[in-house]
Amino acid sequence: MEQLRITAAAQFLIDRRNKPTCRDRLPTELRPVSYEDALAIQKVTMQLIGDNVGGWKTVLPVGDKLNIGPIFAKTIHKHSPCPIRLERGICRIEPEIAFRFKADLPPRAAAYSDAEIKEAIGATHMALELIENRYSGTEEVTYLENLADCLFNQGVYLGPEIPLEKAIAAAEIDFVLTQGESKPFKGRHPNNGPILPVLWLANFLREGGIGIQAGQVVITGSFAGVHEVKPNSEFTIDYTGLGKMTVSLSP
């Protein structure tokens, strides 16, 4: 895509974020047709949205399929009630682990070692990714269109800290979600460990001239898909063996 169309696509997606009732699909001429297009739209979105990048979401690539998107600082929350936009009157969340960086990993020629990346991590948290499909669902939207729009992310709720070594080892977690009634479910990380996408991301961003900044958080995939909870009603989610958090989500 030429730069003018990339910029127009980014502005379209920003405008749509600011108008929650608008769920129009990107016009045909602004739709990405390659991963390079989608990531270029993300990059211009970061430049034009009027907010800092507060973190990233990612999992390991599958073949040439990339799964990465910026999370904007104003959408990262630490207090309850946590703001959220509803879908069909409900809140959609994914239980994850977040890694918060205490040191920069700036762009450079040499690859970062696993040890350097782990040393730059300052804390790990239980976290909920806040999910939003900003398309109407009336048309079949391509993966590249969703990638350009940061893969359904509308923010993150950061819960209590958990020890780094336990976070790294957490390939499987038993969860209990309680909102009125208790719902147990088993979770497994899509890459068999939440640290692995962090190690990949640090060098992917380094190669792209972006890097990771101190204070940013990285989430690396849901352990158990998407779950729905009611708004304006406290719920508790227990990460068995790691801790629990109680939060309310409010539109």
Protein backbone atom coordinates (compact mmCIF):
# COMPACT_ATOMS: atom_id res chain seq x y z
CA MET A 1 0.00 0.00 0.00
CA GLU A 2 1.16 3.50 -0.69
CA GLN A 3 1.74 5.78 2.29
CA LEU A 4 -1.32 7.95 1.68
CA ARG A 5 -3.62 4.93 1.89
CA ILE A 6 -1.81 3.59 4.97
CA THR A 7 -2.30 6.93 6.70
CA ALA A 8 -5.95 7.09 5.65
CA ALA A 9 -6.57 3.57 6.97
CA ALA A 10 -4.95 4.42 10.32
CA GLN A 11 -7.03 7.57 10.67
CA PHE A 12 -10.21 5.65 9.79
CA LEU A 13 -9.49 3.12 12.56
CA ILE A 14 -8.68 5.87 15.07
CA ASP A 15 -11.89 7.72 14.24
CA ARG A 16 -13.85 4.50 14.68
CA ARG A 17 -12.27 3.88 18.12
CA ASN A 18 -13.54 7.30 19.15
CA LYS A 19 -17.07 6.51 17.96
CA PRO A 20 -18.07 3.25 19.66
CA THR A 21 -21.38 3.09 17.77
CA CYS A 22 -19.54 3.09 14.42
CA ARG A 23 -18.51 -0.39 13.31
CA ASP A 24 -17.92 0.21 9.62
CA ARG A 25 -15.42 -1.94 7.79
CA LEU A 26 -12.38 -0.34 6.21
CA PRO A 27 -13.18 0.84 2.69
CA THR A 28 -11.96 -1.64 0.10
CA GLU A 29 -9.09 0.55 -1.07
CA LEU A 30 -7.79 0.94 2.51
CA ARG A 31 -7.77 -2.75 3.45
CA PRO A 32 -4.33 -4.28 4.04
CA VAL A 33 -3.32 -7.08 1.70
CA SER A 34 -0.09 -8.13 3.45
CA TYR A 35 1.40 -8.29 6.93
CA GLU A 36 3.61 -5.37 5.97
CA ASP A 37 0.51 -3.29 5.20
CA ALA A 38 -1.18 -4.20 8.50
CA LEU A 39 1.90 -3.42 10.58
CA ALA A 40 2.43 -0.16 8.69
CA ILE A 41 -1.16 0.85 9.58
CA GLN A 42 -0.46 -0.02 13.23
CA LYS A 43 2.70 2.11 13.17
CA VAL A 44 0.90 5.16 11.77
CA THR A 45 -1.92 4.61 14.29
CA MET A 46 0.69 4.84 17.05
CA GLN A 47 1.90 8.14 15.60
CA LEU A 48 -1.55 9.73 15.17
CA ILE A 49 -3.70 8.44 18.03
CA GLY A 50 -2.57 11.02 20.59
CA ASP A 51 -1.52 8.50 23.22
CA ASN A 52 1.66 6.71 24.20
CA VAL A 53 2.20 3.02 23.64
CA GLY A 54 1.78 1.53 27.10
CA GLY A 55 2.42 -2.05 26.09
CA TRP A 56 2.03 -4.83 23.57
CA LYS A 57 0.00 -7.97 22.98
CA THR A 58 1.52 -10.93 21.18
CA VAL A 59 1.88 -14.67 20.84
CA LEU A 60 4.53 -16.55 18.87
CA PRO A 61 4.12 -16.43 15.08
CA VAL A 62 2.65 -19.48 13.37
CA GLY A 63 4.55 -19.78 10.13
CA ASP A 64 4.36 -16.29 8.63
CA LYS A 65 1.23 -15.38 10.62
CA LEU A 66 2.06 -12.55 13.03
CA ASN A 67 0.03 -11.82 16.14
CA ILE A 68 1.12 -8.49 17.60
CA GLY A 69 -0.44 -5.16 18.46
CA PRO A 70 0.22 -2.05 20.53
CA ILE A 71 -1.77 -1.35 23.69
CA PHE A 72 -2.28 2.34 24.35
CA ALA A 73 -1.37 3.82 27.72
CA LYS A 74 -4.77 5.34 28.51
CA THR A 75 -6.39 1.91 28.12
CA ILE A 76 -4.23 0.21 30.78
CA HIS A 77 -6.03 0.25 34.13
CA LYS A 78 -5.06 -0.71 37.68
CA HIS A 79 -8.16 0.22 39.69
CA SER A 80 -11.70 -1.10 40.00
CA PRO A 81 -14.18 -0.29 38.61
CA CYS A 82 -12.30 -0.59 35.34
CA PRO A 83 -13.78 1.19 32.29
CA ILE A 84 -14.85 -0.97 29.38
CA ARG A 85 -16.98 -0.75 26.24
CA LEU A 86 -19.67 -3.40 26.05
CA GLU A 87 -20.57 -5.83 23.27
CA ARG A 88 -24.24 -6.77 23.23
CA GLY A 89 -24.46 -5.57 26.83
CA ILE A 90 -21.69 -7.79 28.19
CA CYS A 91 -17.96 -7.53 28.97
CA ARG A 92 -15.51 -9.78 27.14
CA ILE A 93 -12.23 -10.64 28.86
CA GLU A 94 -9.26 -12.96 28.48
CA PRO A 95 -7.24 -14.18 31.51
CA GLU A 96 -3.55 -13.56 30.91
CA ILE A 97 -0.22 -12.81 32.57
CA ALA A 98 1.39 -9.40 32.01
CA PHE A 99 5.11 -8.66 32.12
CA ARG A 100 6.01 -5.10 33.14
CA PHE A 101 9.44 -3.78 32.11
CA LYS A 102 11.72 -1.81 34.42
CA ALA A 103 14.37 -1.07 31.78
CA ASP A 104 14.45 -0.10 28.11
CA LEU A 105 15.33 -2.60 25.39
CA PRO A 106 16.05 -0.11 22.60
CA PRO A 107 16.74 -0.91 18.95
CA ARG A 108 20.28 -2.14 18.31
CA ALA A 109 22.12 -4.30 15.81
CA ALA A 110 22.81 -7.26 18.10
CA ALA A 111 20.02 -9.54 19.25
CA TYR A 112 19.02 -9.48 22.90
CA SER A 113 19.75 -12.66 24.82
CA ASP A 114 17.03 -14.34 26.84
CA ALA A 115 18.92 -13.37 30.01
CA GLU A 116 19.01 -9.67 29.03
CA ILE A 117 15.29 -9.65 28.33
CA LYS A 118 14.39 -11.36 31.60
CA GLU A 119 16.66 -8.97 33.52
CA ALA A 120 14.74 -6.00 32.07
CA ILE A 121 11.42 -7.31 33.46
CA GLY A 122 10.45 -5.55 36.66
CA ALA A 123 7.23 -7.33 37.65
CA THR A 124 4.60 -9.79 36.50
CA HIS A 125 0.86 -9.47 37.09
CA MET A 126 -2.36 -11.34 36.74
CA ALA A 127 -4.10 -9.48 33.95
CA LEU A 128 -7.31 -9.32 31.96
CA GLU A 129 -7.25 -8.30 28.34
CA LEU A 130 -10.37 -6.29 27.52
CA ILE A 131 -11.74 -7.50 24.20
CA GLU A 132 -13.74 -5.57 21.63
CA ASN A 133 -14.67 -6.43 18.07
CA ARG A 134 -14.85 -3.01 16.45
CA TYR A 135 -16.34 -4.46 13.26
CA SER A 136 -20.08 -5.08 12.92
CA GLY A 137 -19.80 -8.78 12.22
CA THR A 138 -22.09 -8.52 9.20
CA GLU A 139 -19.21 -9.08 6.78
CA GLU A 140 -16.33 -11.53 6.79
CA VAL A 141 -13.39 -9.41 7.92
CA THR A 142 -9.90 -10.66 7.08
CA TYR A 143 -7.23 -11.46 9.65
CA LEU A 144 -5.10 -8.66 8.21
CA GLU A 145 -7.88 -6.12 8.86
CA ASN A 146 -8.08 -7.27 12.48
CA LEU A 147 -4.29 -7.14 12.75
CA ALA A 148 -4.28 -3.55 11.47
CA ASP A 149 -6.84 -2.74 14.20
CA CYS A 150 -4.69 -4.30 16.98
CA LEU A 151 -6.49 -7.63 17.20
CA PHE A 152 -9.59 -6.84 19.24
CA ASN A 153 -7.70 -5.14 22.05
CA GLN A 154 -9.49 -2.34 23.90
CA GLY A 155 -7.22 -2.35 26.93
CA VAL A 156 -5.82 -4.28 29.87
CA TYR A 157 -6.65 -4.54 33.55
CA LEU A 158 -3.52 -5.14 35.63
CA GLY A 159 -4.16 -7.20 38.73
CA PRO A 160 -1.92 -8.16 41.65
CA GLU A 161 1.73 -9.03 41.15
CA ILE A 162 2.89 -12.62 41.05
CA PRO A 163 6.48 -13.90 41.34
CA LEU A 164 8.40 -13.83 38.06
CA GLU A 165 9.60 -17.41 38.39
CA LYS A 166 6.03 -18.65 38.89
CA ALA A 167 4.83 -16.62 35.90
CA ILE A 168 7.54 -18.07 33.68
CA ALA A 169 6.64 -21.61 34.76
CA ALA A 170 2.89 -21.16 34.27
CA ALA A 171 2.18 -23.26 31.18
CA GLU A 172 -1.12 -24.48 32.67
CA ILE A 173 -3.41 -22.78 35.21
CA ASP A 174 -6.68 -23.89 36.78
CA PHE A 175 -9.07 -20.93 37.02
CA VAL A 176 -12.25 -20.27 38.97
CA LEU A 177 -14.41 -17.36 37.80
CA THR A 178 -17.03 -16.30 40.32
CA GLN A 179 -19.80 -13.82 39.60
CA GLY A 180 -22.78 -15.06 41.56
CA GLU A 181 -21.93 -18.67 40.75
CA SER A 182 -18.48 -20.21 40.43
CA LYS A 183 -17.25 -21.47 37.09
CA PRO A 184 -14.05 -23.55 37.12
CA PHE A 185 -12.09 -23.97 33.91
CA LYS A 186 -8.69 -25.26 32.92
CA GLY A 187 -6.24 -23.01 31.13
CA ARG A 188 -3.23 -23.70 28.98
CA HIS A 189 -0.98 -21.08 27.44
CA PRO A 190 -1.06 -21.18 23.61
CA ASN A 191 2.76 -21.30 23.47
CA ASN A 192 3.21 -23.58 26.50
CA GLY A 193 4.66 -20.72 28.50
CA PRO A 194 3.92 -16.97 28.70
CA ILE A 195 7.57 -15.85 28.65
CA LEU A 196 8.32 -17.27 25.20
CA PRO A 197 6.42 -14.60 23.22
CA VAL A 198 8.12 -11.89 25.32
CA LEU A 199 11.52 -13.17 24.24
CA TRP A 200 10.41 -13.17 20.60
CA LEU A 201 8.75 -9.74 20.82
CA ALA A 202 11.81 -7.95 22.24
CA ASN A 203 13.89 -8.87 19.21
CA PHE A 204 11.07 -8.38 16.70
CA LEU A 205 10.62 -4.81 17.94
CA ARG A 206 14.39 -4.31 18.04
CA GLU A 207 14.65 -5.31 14.38
CA GLY A 208 11.76 -3.00 13.52
CA GLY A 209 13.46 0.04 15.06
CA ILE A 210 10.89 0.35 17.87
CA GLY A 211 12.12 -1.46 20.97
CA ILE A 212 10.52 -1.86 24.40
CA GLN A 213 10.42 0.99 26.92
CA ALA A 214 10.55 0.89 30.70
CA GLY A 215 7.03 0.89 32.14
CA GLN A 216 5.48 -0.91 29.19
CA VAL A 217 3.57 -4.14 29.79
CA VAL A 218 3.41 -7.18 27.53
CA ILE A 219 0.60 -9.72 27.49
CA THR A 220 1.20 -12.94 25.64
CA GLY A 221 -2.06 -14.73 24.97
CA SER A 222 -5.11 -16.00 26.80
CA PHE A 223 -4.87 -19.17 28.84
CA ALA A 224 -8.53 -19.96 28.24
CA GLY A 225 -10.02 -17.99 25.36
CA VAL A 226 -12.64 -15.27 25.84
CA HIS A 227 -15.01 -15.19 28.81
CA GLU A 228 -18.07 -13.03 29.33
CA VAL A 229 -19.00 -11.22 32.56
CA LYS A 230 -21.74 -8.80 33.52
CA PRO A 231 -20.95 -5.08 33.82
CA ASN A 232 -21.20 -3.15 37.09
CA SER A 233 -20.99 -6.34 39.13
CA GLU A 234 -17.88 -7.51 40.97
CA PHE A 235 -16.38 -10.82 39.97
CA THR A 236 -13.40 -12.77 41.26
CA ILE A 237 -11.01 -14.77 39.14
CA ASP A 238 -8.74 -17.20 40.96
CA TYR A 239 -5.48 -18.18 39.28
CA THR A 240 -5.09 -21.34 41.35
CA GLY A 241 -1.68 -21.41 43.01
CA LEU A 242 -0.82 -17.87 41.92
CA GLY A 243 -3.45 -15.63 43.53
CA LYS A 244 -6.82 -14.07 42.82
CA MET A 245 -8.28 -10.69 41.92
CA THR A 246 -11.66 -9.07 42.35
CA VAL A 247 -12.75 -6.40 39.91
CA SER A 248 -15.79 -4.68 38.47
CA LEU A 249 -16.02 -3.54 34.84
CA SER A 250 -18.07 -0.45 34.14
CA PRO A 251 -19.12 1.13 30.81
